[in-house]
Structures are given as C-alpha cells and as structure tokens.
Amino acid sequence: MLSNSGQPRTYMRNNEWFNAGGEGSPSAKYLKVKYPNGDVATVEFINLDSLDAANKRYAETPVDDWGIEYPITVVEVTMIAANSNIRFGPKETTIGGINLKNNFSAFCGAGLTVG
C-alpha cells in the first residue's frame, strides 16, 4: 500500500495479507483498511458471469473490446495515499496531474508502472 507516513502498511505476499486490520477478512472477497492519517486501501473480488454483467458494472468502458471469456473474477483496488495527489480506484486513477479512466489490464505483470 502506498503511503507517505513512514508507518507499516497493508501488503500482500504469496497470496497472504500482512498488517491487514480493518473491515472484512483477509481471506474473504472484501478487505478495507483505514489509517488515522487518512490512508485507505480497499480490495474487492467480484465475479462477472457474463458479458452483460460486465457491461452493467462497467457501463462507461468498452467491455465488448476486452476479448475475454466469461465467467471471470475481477479485482477492484482502491488506494488513497493521504496528503498526496495519488488515488487509485477501480474506474479512475489520479497520479499527480495524470488522470486515467476506464482502463482494462489483463495477462500482464502490472496494469500500470510508474517510475
């Protein structure tokens, strides 16, 4: 998890969560962790059984162009690094002055790499 606090934060290694106090369960489909300084991380696993279900959930995205077979499980990640211009969301991400909307990543090591 991104943070400029210098304090330990939630992370995952080999499919296991560490420092994951918060709402939900690290072994469930939903986890939300909030910190006193305003840092927030949310991870949610969602099953999409069909193209229609994907179109309904991501109405502003060209889902028909994804070229994948259903059913699928998507992972929606939200991370807010307090006191920064960095916000990752499932439908929109802001890094400084850059704003990314309605992006889809599959079959890759990283959907977005900065650095």
N, C-alpha and C. Protein backbone atom coordinates (compact mmCIF):
# COMPACT_ATOMS: atom_id res chain seq x y z
N MET A 1 0.84 -1.17 0.00
CA MET A 1 0.00 0.00 0.00
C MET A 1 0.88 1.23 0.00
N LEU A 2 0.50 2.19 -0.83
CA LEU A 2 1.23 3.45 -0.88
C LEU A 2 0.94 4.30 0.34
N SER A 3 1.95 4.99 0.83
CA SER A 3 1.78 5.90 1.96
C SER A 3 3.02 6.79 2.05
N ASN A 4 2.82 7.99 2.52
CA ASN A 4 3.97 8.85 2.81
C ASN A 4 4.14 9.03 4.31
N SER A 5 3.46 8.16 5.09
CA SER A 5 3.50 8.27 6.55
C SER A 5 4.78 7.71 7.16
N GLY A 6 5.43 6.78 6.46
CA GLY A 6 6.59 6.12 7.04
C GLY A 6 6.22 4.99 8.00
N GLN A 7 4.93 4.73 8.18
CA GLN A 7 4.45 3.69 9.09
C GLN A 7 4.17 2.41 8.30
N PRO A 8 4.23 1.24 8.96
CA PRO A 8 3.91 -0.02 8.29
C PRO A 8 2.50 0.01 7.72
N ARG A 9 2.31 -0.57 6.55
CA ARG A 9 1.02 -0.59 5.89
C ARG A 9 0.70 -1.99 5.38
N THR A 10 -0.55 -2.19 5.01
CA THR A 10 -1.04 -3.45 4.48
C THR A 10 -0.27 -3.84 3.22
N TYR A 11 0.06 -5.12 3.10
CA TYR A 11 0.65 -5.61 1.86
C TYR A 11 0.33 -7.09 1.70
N MET A 12 0.47 -7.58 0.47
CA MET A 12 0.22 -8.98 0.18
C MET A 12 1.50 -9.61 -0.37
N ARG A 13 1.79 -10.79 0.11
CA ARG A 13 2.93 -11.55 -0.40
C ARG A 13 2.50 -13.00 -0.50
N ASN A 14 2.70 -13.60 -1.68
CA ASN A 14 2.33 -15.00 -1.91
C ASN A 14 0.88 -15.29 -1.49
N ASN A 15 -0.03 -14.40 -1.89
CA ASN A 15 -1.47 -14.54 -1.63
C ASN A 15 -1.83 -14.47 -0.14
N GLU A 16 -0.99 -13.89 0.68
CA GLU A 16 -1.28 -13.74 2.10
C GLU A 16 -1.17 -12.27 2.49
N TRP A 17 -2.19 -11.77 3.21
CA TRP A 17 -2.19 -10.38 3.66
C TRP A 17 -1.41 -10.22 4.95
N PHE A 18 -0.71 -9.09 5.07
CA PHE A 18 0.01 -8.74 6.29
C PHE A 18 -0.43 -7.34 6.71
N ASN A 19 -0.46 -7.09 8.01
CA ASN A 19 -0.90 -5.80 8.58
C ASN A 19 -2.28 -5.43 8.07
N ALA A 20 -3.19 -6.40 8.02
CA ALA A 20 -4.48 -6.18 7.36
C ALA A 20 -5.64 -6.06 8.34
N GLY A 21 -5.50 -5.25 9.36
CA GLY A 21 -6.63 -4.98 10.24
C GLY A 21 -7.63 -4.12 9.50
N GLY A 22 -8.90 -4.25 9.79
CA GLY A 22 -9.90 -3.41 9.13
C GLY A 22 -11.18 -4.17 8.88
N GLU A 23 -12.03 -3.63 8.00
CA GLU A 23 -13.30 -4.27 7.65
C GLU A 23 -13.05 -5.45 6.74
N GLY A 24 -13.90 -6.44 6.86
CA GLY A 24 -13.75 -7.62 6.00
C GLY A 24 -12.72 -8.56 6.58
N SER A 25 -12.42 -9.58 5.81
CA SER A 25 -11.46 -10.58 6.24
C SER A 25 -10.41 -10.76 5.16
N PRO A 26 -9.15 -10.87 5.54
CA PRO A 26 -8.10 -11.09 4.54
C PRO A 26 -8.32 -12.33 3.69
N SER A 27 -9.16 -13.27 4.13
CA SER A 27 -9.41 -14.47 3.34
C SER A 27 -10.74 -14.38 2.58
N ALA A 28 -11.45 -13.28 2.73
CA ALA A 28 -12.76 -13.13 2.09
C ALA A 28 -12.63 -12.35 0.77
N LYS A 29 -13.78 -11.96 0.22
CA LYS A 29 -13.81 -11.26 -1.06
C LYS A 29 -13.64 -9.76 -0.90
N TYR A 30 -13.56 -9.27 0.33
CA TYR A 30 -13.53 -7.83 0.55
C TYR A 30 -12.61 -7.50 1.72
N LEU A 31 -11.78 -6.50 1.54
CA LEU A 31 -10.93 -6.01 2.62
C LEU A 31 -10.83 -4.50 2.51
N LYS A 32 -11.06 -3.81 3.61
CA LYS A 32 -10.90 -2.36 3.65
C LYS A 32 -10.10 -2.00 4.89
N VAL A 33 -9.03 -1.24 4.69
CA VAL A 33 -8.17 -0.83 5.79
C VAL A 33 -8.05 0.69 5.77
N LYS A 34 -8.31 1.32 6.92
CA LYS A 34 -8.18 2.78 7.05
C LYS A 34 -7.16 3.06 8.15
N TYR A 35 -6.40 4.12 7.95
CA TYR A 35 -5.38 4.51 8.93
C TYR A 35 -5.71 5.90 9.46
N PRO A 36 -5.25 6.22 10.68
CA PRO A 36 -5.57 7.52 11.29
C PRO A 36 -5.16 8.74 10.45
N ASN A 37 -4.11 8.60 9.62
CA ASN A 37 -3.66 9.77 8.84
C ASN A 37 -4.49 9.97 7.56
N GLY A 38 -5.44 9.04 7.27
CA GLY A 38 -6.27 9.17 6.08
C GLY A 38 -5.93 8.20 4.96
N ASP A 39 -4.86 7.41 5.10
CA ASP A 39 -4.56 6.38 4.10
C ASP A 39 -5.71 5.35 4.10
N VAL A 40 -6.09 4.90 2.91
CA VAL A 40 -7.16 3.92 2.76
C VAL A 40 -6.78 2.92 1.68
N ALA A 41 -7.08 1.66 1.93
CA ALA A 41 -6.91 0.62 0.92
C ALA A 41 -8.14 -0.28 0.95
N THR A 42 -8.69 -0.55 -0.24
CA THR A 42 -9.82 -1.45 -0.37
C THR A 42 -9.52 -2.42 -1.51
N VAL A 43 -9.76 -3.70 -1.27
CA VAL A 43 -9.60 -4.73 -2.30
C VAL A 43 -10.89 -5.55 -2.30
N GLU A 44 -11.50 -5.67 -3.48
CA GLU A 44 -12.74 -6.44 -3.60
C GLU A 44 -12.67 -7.35 -4.82
N PHE A 45 -12.99 -8.62 -4.61
CA PHE A 45 -13.05 -9.60 -5.68
C PHE A 45 -14.52 -9.74 -6.10
N ILE A 46 -14.78 -9.62 -7.42
CA ILE A 46 -16.15 -9.63 -7.92
C ILE A 46 -16.24 -10.63 -9.07
N ASN A 47 -17.24 -11.50 -9.02
CA ASN A 47 -17.47 -12.46 -10.10
C ASN A 47 -18.38 -11.82 -11.15
N LEU A 48 -17.96 -11.90 -12.39
CA LEU A 48 -18.78 -11.47 -13.52
C LEU A 48 -19.07 -12.70 -14.36
N ASP A 49 -20.33 -13.10 -14.39
CA ASP A 49 -20.70 -14.34 -15.05
C ASP A 49 -20.86 -14.23 -16.56
N SER A 50 -21.01 -12.98 -17.05
CA SER A 50 -21.30 -12.83 -18.47
C SER A 50 -20.85 -11.45 -18.96
N LEU A 51 -20.85 -11.31 -20.28
CA LEU A 51 -20.58 -10.01 -20.88
C LEU A 51 -21.61 -8.99 -20.44
N ASP A 52 -22.86 -9.40 -20.31
CA ASP A 52 -23.91 -8.49 -19.83
C ASP A 52 -23.61 -7.98 -18.43
N ALA A 53 -23.13 -8.86 -17.55
CA ALA A 53 -22.79 -8.44 -16.19
C ALA A 53 -21.63 -7.45 -16.20
N ALA A 54 -20.65 -7.67 -17.07
CA ALA A 54 -19.52 -6.75 -17.18
C ALA A 54 -19.97 -5.40 -17.73
N ASN A 55 -20.82 -5.42 -18.73
CA ASN A 55 -21.35 -4.17 -19.28
C ASN A 55 -22.14 -3.38 -18.24
N LYS A 56 -22.88 -4.08 -17.41
CA LYS A 56 -23.66 -3.42 -16.36
C LYS A 56 -22.75 -2.78 -15.32
N ARG A 57 -21.72 -3.49 -14.90
CA ARG A 57 -20.82 -2.98 -13.85
C ARG A 57 -19.93 -1.86 -14.39
N TYR A 58 -19.48 -1.97 -15.62
CA TYR A 58 -18.54 -1.00 -16.20
C TYR A 58 -19.18 -0.34 -17.43
N ALA A 59 -20.30 0.31 -17.21
CA ALA A 59 -21.11 0.87 -18.30
C ALA A 59 -20.36 1.89 -19.16
N GLU A 60 -19.39 2.61 -18.59
CA GLU A 60 -18.67 3.64 -19.34
C GLU A 60 -17.42 3.11 -20.05
N THR A 61 -17.20 1.81 -19.98
CA THR A 61 -16.00 1.20 -20.53
C THR A 61 -16.37 0.32 -21.72
N PRO A 62 -15.55 0.28 -22.77
CA PRO A 62 -15.85 -0.58 -23.93
C PRO A 62 -15.58 -2.06 -23.62
N VAL A 63 -16.42 -2.63 -22.78
CA VAL A 63 -16.25 -4.01 -22.32
C VAL A 63 -16.22 -4.99 -23.50
N ASP A 64 -16.97 -4.72 -24.55
CA ASP A 64 -17.01 -5.62 -25.69
C ASP A 64 -15.63 -5.81 -26.33
N ASP A 65 -14.73 -4.84 -26.14
CA ASP A 65 -13.39 -4.89 -26.73
C ASP A 65 -12.38 -5.67 -25.88
N TRP A 66 -12.77 -6.12 -24.69
CA TRP A 66 -11.84 -6.80 -23.82
C TRP A 66 -11.32 -8.11 -24.41
N GLY A 67 -12.14 -8.80 -25.16
CA GLY A 67 -11.70 -10.04 -25.79
C GLY A 67 -11.40 -11.16 -24.82
N ILE A 68 -12.23 -11.29 -23.78
CA ILE A 68 -12.02 -12.35 -22.79
C ILE A 68 -13.25 -13.23 -22.71
N GLU A 69 -13.08 -14.41 -22.14
CA GLU A 69 -14.18 -15.35 -21.96
C GLU A 69 -14.71 -15.23 -20.54
N TYR A 70 -16.00 -15.43 -20.40
CA TYR A 70 -16.67 -15.37 -19.10
C TYR A 70 -17.07 -16.77 -18.69
N PRO A 71 -17.17 -17.02 -17.39
CA PRO A 71 -17.10 -16.08 -16.27
C PRO A 71 -15.66 -15.69 -15.91
N ILE A 72 -15.53 -14.54 -15.25
CA ILE A 72 -14.24 -14.07 -14.76
C ILE A 72 -14.40 -13.53 -13.35
N THR A 73 -13.29 -13.43 -12.65
CA THR A 73 -13.25 -12.73 -11.36
C THR A 73 -12.39 -11.50 -11.55
N VAL A 74 -12.94 -10.34 -11.23
CA VAL A 74 -12.18 -9.10 -11.31
C VAL A 74 -11.77 -8.68 -9.91
N VAL A 75 -10.70 -7.94 -9.84
CA VAL A 75 -10.23 -7.40 -8.56
C VAL A 75 -10.26 -5.89 -8.68
N GLU A 76 -11.07 -5.26 -7.84
CA GLU A 76 -11.14 -3.80 -7.82
C GLU A 76 -10.32 -3.31 -6.62
N VAL A 77 -9.36 -2.45 -6.91
CA VAL A 77 -8.46 -1.94 -5.88
C VAL A 77 -8.64 -0.43 -5.77
N THR A 78 -8.78 0.03 -4.54
CA THR A 78 -8.80 1.46 -4.25
C THR A 78 -7.69 1.73 -3.24
N MET A 79 -6.83 2.69 -3.54
CA MET A 79 -5.79 3.12 -2.59
C MET A 79 -5.73 4.63 -2.60
N ILE A 80 -5.79 5.20 -1.42
CA ILE A 80 -5.64 6.64 -1.26
C ILE A 80 -4.47 6.88 -0.33
N ALA A 81 -3.45 7.54 -0.84
CA ALA A 81 -2.30 7.93 -0.02
C ALA A 81 -2.58 9.34 0.48
N ALA A 82 -2.86 9.47 1.77
CA ALA A 82 -3.23 10.76 2.35
C ALA A 82 -2.15 11.81 2.10
N ASN A 83 -2.57 13.04 2.00
CA ASN A 83 -1.66 14.18 1.81
C ASN A 83 -0.79 14.02 0.56
N SER A 84 -1.39 13.46 -0.50
CA SER A 84 -0.68 13.30 -1.76
C SER A 84 -1.67 13.46 -2.91
N ASN A 85 -1.17 13.47 -4.11
CA ASN A 85 -2.01 13.50 -5.31
C ASN A 85 -2.12 12.12 -5.93
N ILE A 86 -2.12 11.08 -5.10
CA ILE A 86 -2.17 9.72 -5.60
C ILE A 86 -3.44 9.04 -5.08
N ARG A 87 -4.30 8.65 -6.03
CA ARG A 87 -5.53 7.94 -5.73
C ARG A 87 -5.75 6.88 -6.80
N PHE A 88 -5.73 5.62 -6.40
CA PHE A 88 -6.03 4.52 -7.31
C PHE A 88 -7.47 4.10 -7.07
N GLY A 89 -8.22 3.91 -8.13
CA GLY A 89 -9.59 3.44 -8.00
C GLY A 89 -9.93 2.46 -9.09
N PRO A 90 -11.03 1.71 -8.93
CA PRO A 90 -11.40 0.71 -9.91
C PRO A 90 -11.84 1.29 -11.25
N LYS A 91 -12.27 2.55 -11.26
CA LYS A 91 -12.73 3.16 -12.50
C LYS A 91 -11.97 4.42 -12.87
N GLU A 92 -11.16 4.93 -11.94
CA GLU A 92 -10.39 6.14 -12.20
C GLU A 92 -9.18 6.19 -11.28
N THR A 93 -8.04 6.59 -11.83
CA THR A 93 -6.81 6.71 -11.06
C THR A 93 -6.18 8.07 -11.34
N THR A 94 -5.70 8.72 -10.28
CA THR A 94 -5.04 10.01 -10.41
C THR A 94 -3.66 9.91 -9.78
N ILE A 95 -2.65 10.29 -10.56
CA ILE A 95 -1.27 10.36 -10.07
C ILE A 95 -0.75 11.73 -10.46
N GLY A 96 -0.62 12.61 -9.48
CA GLY A 96 -0.23 13.99 -9.79
C GLY A 96 -1.25 14.61 -10.71
N GLY A 97 -0.82 15.11 -11.85
CA GLY A 97 -1.72 15.72 -12.82
C GLY A 97 -2.24 14.76 -13.87
N ILE A 98 -1.93 13.47 -13.75
CA ILE A 98 -2.36 12.48 -14.72
C ILE A 98 -3.62 11.79 -14.22
N ASN A 99 -4.64 11.71 -15.07
CA ASN A 99 -5.89 11.06 -14.71
C ASN A 99 -6.18 9.96 -15.72
N LEU A 100 -6.35 8.73 -15.25
CA LEU A 100 -6.64 7.57 -16.10
C LEU A 100 -8.05 7.07 -15.78
N LYS A 101 -8.87 6.87 -16.82
CA LYS A 101 -10.24 6.39 -16.61
C LYS A 101 -10.52 5.20 -17.52
N ASN A 102 -11.33 4.29 -16.99
CA ASN A 102 -11.88 3.19 -17.78
C ASN A 102 -10.81 2.35 -18.47
N ASN A 103 -9.75 2.02 -17.74
CA ASN A 103 -8.68 1.18 -18.28
C ASN A 103 -8.91 -0.28 -17.90
N PHE A 104 -8.47 -1.16 -18.75
CA PHE A 104 -8.57 -2.59 -18.51
C PHE A 104 -7.21 -3.22 -18.74
N SER A 105 -6.76 -4.04 -17.78
CA SER A 105 -5.48 -4.73 -17.92
C SER A 105 -5.69 -6.21 -17.65
N ALA A 106 -5.10 -7.05 -18.50
CA ALA A 106 -5.18 -8.48 -18.31
C ALA A 106 -3.93 -9.13 -18.87
N PHE A 107 -3.58 -10.28 -18.32
CA PHE A 107 -2.46 -11.09 -18.82
C PHE A 107 -1.15 -10.31 -18.80
N CYS A 108 -0.93 -9.50 -17.77
CA CYS A 108 0.29 -8.72 -17.68
C CYS A 108 0.80 -8.73 -16.24
N GLY A 109 2.05 -8.39 -16.07
CA GLY A 109 2.63 -8.34 -14.73
C GLY A 109 2.16 -7.14 -13.93
N ALA A 110 1.84 -6.06 -14.61
CA ALA A 110 1.38 -4.84 -13.94
C ALA A 110 0.48 -4.07 -14.87
N GLY A 111 -0.64 -3.57 -14.35
CA GLY A 111 -1.54 -2.76 -15.16
C GLY A 111 -1.02 -1.36 -15.38
N LEU A 112 -0.21 -0.88 -14.44
CA LEU A 112 0.36 0.46 -14.51
C LEU A 112 1.68 0.46 -13.76
N THR A 113 2.72 0.92 -14.40
CA THR A 113 4.03 1.03 -13.77
C THR A 113 4.48 2.48 -13.83
N VAL A 114 4.87 3.02 -12.67
CA VAL A 114 5.35 4.39 -12.58
C VAL A 114 6.74 4.34 -12.00
N GLY A 115 7.67 5.03 -12.63
CA GLY A 115 8.98 5.05 -12.01
C GLY A 115 10.12 5.12 -12.96
